[in-house]
Amino acid sequence: MESKHSDSASSLAKLVKAYARLIDQFNHEHAIDVLNDLDSGEPSLALGTGVFYAWEDGADVPSDMLAETGKWLGPEDGYALKAYQDFMSGKKVHAAA
């Protein structure tokens, strides 16, 4: 059972790091925020932050990343879920900077 949990945590961490790399192309401070959330032991929060910043920064998130992201987000993820839904619907409207 631990191995499955560890594989799951590793998969989430890889996804979060992919968001950080993508965001870093637009806003280095946002990428650092995402990695700090991950380093603090909050990978779900880090994913939410990554999704939101990717949306806010106008990143084009690859479809495979979006598919993986959808597996991790739930109704409790608020702003991240809204940003994810905007990505999935093709909306290009971003939050004001």
C-alpha atoms as a PDB file:
ATOM      1  CA  MET A   1       0.000   0.000   0.000  1.00  0.00           C
ATOM      2  CA  GLU A   2       2.800   2.436   0.786  1.00  0.00           C
ATOM      3  CA  SER A   3       4.310   1.899  -2.642  1.00  0.00           C
ATOM      4  CA  LYS A   4       1.051   2.865  -4.337  1.00  0.00           C
ATOM      5  CA  HIS A   5       0.798   6.000  -2.165  1.00  0.00           C
ATOM      6  CA  SER A   6       4.411   6.882  -2.904  1.00  0.00           C
ATOM      7  CA  ASP A   7       3.884   6.385  -6.640  1.00  0.00           C
ATOM      8  CA  SER A   8       0.828   8.625  -6.438  1.00  0.00           C
ATOM      9  CA  ALA A   9       2.703  11.324  -4.509  1.00  0.00           C
ATOM     10  CA  SER A  10       5.599  11.105  -6.958  1.00  0.00           C
ATOM     11  CA  SER A  11       3.221  11.456  -9.898  1.00  0.00           C
ATOM     12  CA  LEU A  12       1.631  14.548  -8.343  1.00  0.00           C
ATOM     13  CA  ALA A  13       5.037  16.069  -7.586  1.00  0.00           C
ATOM     14  CA  LYS A  14       6.139  15.526 -11.204  1.00  0.00           C
ATOM     15  CA  LEU A  15       2.986  17.239 -12.450  1.00  0.00           C
ATOM     16  CA  VAL A  16       3.524  20.182 -10.105  1.00  0.00           C
ATOM     17  CA  LYS A  17       7.133  20.524 -11.290  1.00  0.00           C
ATOM     18  CA  ALA A  18       5.939  20.499 -14.906  1.00  0.00           C
ATOM     19  CA  TYR A  19       3.602  23.399 -14.088  1.00  0.00           C
ATOM     20  CA  ALA A  20       6.477  25.258 -12.410  1.00  0.00           C
ATOM     21  CA  ARG A  21       8.669  24.829 -15.510  1.00  0.00           C
ATOM     22  CA  LEU A  22       5.864  26.048 -17.761  1.00  0.00           C
ATOM     23  CA  ILE A  23       5.057  29.044 -15.555  1.00  0.00           C
ATOM     24  CA  ASP A  24       8.732  29.977 -15.250  1.00  0.00           C
ATOM     25  CA  GLN A  25       8.665  30.971 -18.920  1.00  0.00           C
ATOM     26  CA  PHE A  26       6.232  33.764 -18.000  1.00  0.00           C
ATOM     27  CA  ASN A  27       6.809  34.648 -14.366  1.00  0.00           C
ATOM     28  CA  HIS A  28       9.724  33.362 -12.307  1.00  0.00           C
ATOM     29  CA  GLU A  29       8.195  34.453  -8.984  1.00  0.00           C
ATOM     30  CA  HIS A  30       5.037  32.461  -9.692  1.00  0.00           C
ATOM     31  CA  ALA A  31       7.123  29.379 -10.466  1.00  0.00           C
ATOM     32  CA  ILE A  32       8.977  29.809  -7.165  1.00  0.00           C
ATOM     33  CA  ASP A  33       5.640  30.062  -5.300  1.00  0.00           C
ATOM     34  CA  VAL A  34       4.544  26.758  -6.803  1.00  0.00           C
ATOM     35  CA  LEU A  35       7.787  25.027  -5.852  1.00  0.00           C
ATOM     36  CA  ASN A  36       7.666  26.508  -2.338  1.00  0.00           C
ATOM     37  CA  ASP A  37       4.168  25.048  -1.861  1.00  0.00           C
ATOM     38  CA  LEU A  38       5.488  21.687  -3.023  1.00  0.00           C
ATOM     39  CA  ASP A  39       8.541  21.897  -0.748  1.00  0.00           C
ATOM     40  CA  SER A  40       6.314  22.745   2.217  1.00  0.00           C
ATOM     41  CA  GLY A  41       4.656  19.350   1.892  1.00  0.00           C
ATOM     42  CA  GLU A  42       1.475  20.618   0.265  1.00  0.00           C
ATOM     43  CA  PRO A  43       1.472  19.021  -3.208  1.00  0.00           C
ATOM     44  CA  SER A  44      -2.275  19.478  -3.706  1.00  0.00           C
ATOM     45  CA  LEU A  45      -1.999  23.164  -2.835  1.00  0.00           C
ATOM     46  CA  ALA A  46       1.030  23.425  -5.126  1.00  0.00           C
ATOM     47  CA  LEU A  47      -0.984  21.930  -7.993  1.00  0.00           C
ATOM     48  CA  GLY A  48      -3.805  24.390  -7.387  1.00  0.00           C
ATOM     49  CA  THR A  49      -1.364  27.277  -7.325  1.00  0.00           C
ATOM     50  CA  GLY A  50       0.278  25.993 -10.500  1.00  0.00           C
ATOM     51  CA  VAL A  51      -3.000  25.661 -12.382  1.00  0.00           C
ATOM     52  CA  PHE A  52      -4.126  29.113 -11.339  1.00  0.00           C
ATOM     53  CA  TYR A  53      -0.816  30.793 -12.181  1.00  0.00           C
ATOM     54  CA  ALA A  54      -0.645  29.020 -15.543  1.00  0.00           C
ATOM     55  CA  TRP A  55      -4.097  30.405 -16.317  1.00  0.00           C
ATOM     56  CA  GLU A  56      -3.289  33.865 -14.953  1.00  0.00           C
ATOM     57  CA  ASP A  57      -0.003  34.036 -16.865  1.00  0.00           C
ATOM     58  CA  GLY A  58      -1.584  32.931 -20.142  1.00  0.00           C
ATOM     59  CA  ALA A  59       0.341  29.683 -20.508  1.00  0.00           C
ATOM     60  CA  ASP A  60      -0.727  27.096 -23.064  1.00  0.00           C
ATOM     61  CA  VAL A  61      -0.948  23.964 -20.937  1.00  0.00           C
ATOM     62  CA  PRO A  62      -0.473  20.777 -22.981  1.00  0.00           C
ATOM     63  CA  SER A  63      -3.511  18.499 -23.167  1.00  0.00           C
ATOM     64  CA  ASP A  64      -1.714  15.618 -21.437  1.00  0.00           C
ATOM     65  CA  MET A  65      -0.982  17.885 -18.449  1.00  0.00           C
ATOM     66  CA  LEU A  66      -4.603  19.006 -18.350  1.00  0.00           C
ATOM     67  CA  ALA A  67      -5.800  15.400 -18.457  1.00  0.00           C
ATOM     68  CA  GLU A  68      -3.523  14.511 -15.550  1.00  0.00           C
ATOM     69  CA  THR A  69      -4.573  17.639 -13.652  1.00  0.00           C
ATOM     70  CA  GLY A  70      -8.234  16.658 -13.917  1.00  0.00           C
ATOM     71  CA  LYS A  71      -7.491  13.489 -11.963  1.00  0.00           C
ATOM     72  CA  TRP A  72      -6.246  15.498  -8.982  1.00  0.00           C
ATOM     73  CA  LEU A  73      -8.707  18.403  -8.705  1.00  0.00           C
ATOM     74  CA  GLY A  74     -12.026  18.274  -6.892  1.00  0.00           C
ATOM     75  CA  PRO A  75     -14.830  20.656  -5.888  1.00  0.00           C
ATOM     76  CA  GLU A  76     -12.844  21.795  -2.843  1.00  0.00           C
ATOM     77  CA  ASP A  77     -10.141  23.257  -5.089  1.00  0.00           C
ATOM     78  CA  GLY A  78     -12.046  26.494  -5.787  1.00  0.00           C
ATOM     79  CA  TYR A  79      -9.986  28.918  -7.855  1.00  0.00           C
ATOM     80  CA  ALA A  80      -7.798  26.131  -9.269  1.00  0.00           C
ATOM     81  CA  LEU A  81     -10.834  24.172 -10.417  1.00  0.00           C
ATOM     82  CA  LYS A  82     -12.285  27.304 -12.074  1.00  0.00           C
ATOM     83  CA  ALA A  83      -8.994  27.957 -13.886  1.00  0.00           C
ATOM     84  CA  TYR A  84      -8.860  24.290 -14.951  1.00  0.00           C
ATOM     85  CA  GLN A  85     -12.428  24.477 -16.271  1.00  0.00           C
ATOM     86  CA  ASP A  86     -11.518  27.609 -18.234  1.00  0.00           C
ATOM     87  CA  PHE A  87      -8.555  25.780 -19.767  1.00  0.00           C
ATOM     88  CA  MET A  88     -10.775  22.840 -20.687  1.00  0.00           C
ATOM     89  CA  SER A  89     -13.406  25.075 -22.270  1.00  0.00           C
ATOM     90  CA  GLY A  90     -10.768  26.928 -24.278  1.00  0.00           C
ATOM     91  CA  LYS A  91     -11.319  30.279 -22.578  1.00  0.00           C
ATOM     92  CA  LYS A  92      -8.414  32.628 -23.018  1.00  0.00           C
ATOM     93  CA  VAL A  93      -9.624  35.199 -20.487  1.00  0.00           C
ATOM     94  CA  HIS A  94      -7.071  35.619 -17.726  1.00  0.00           C
ATOM     95  CA  ALA A  95      -7.161  37.328 -14.358  1.00  0.00           C
ATOM     96  CA  ALA A  96      -6.055  40.919 -14.236  1.00  0.00           C
ATOM     97  CA  ALA A  97      -2.416  41.261 -13.266  1.00  0.00           C
END
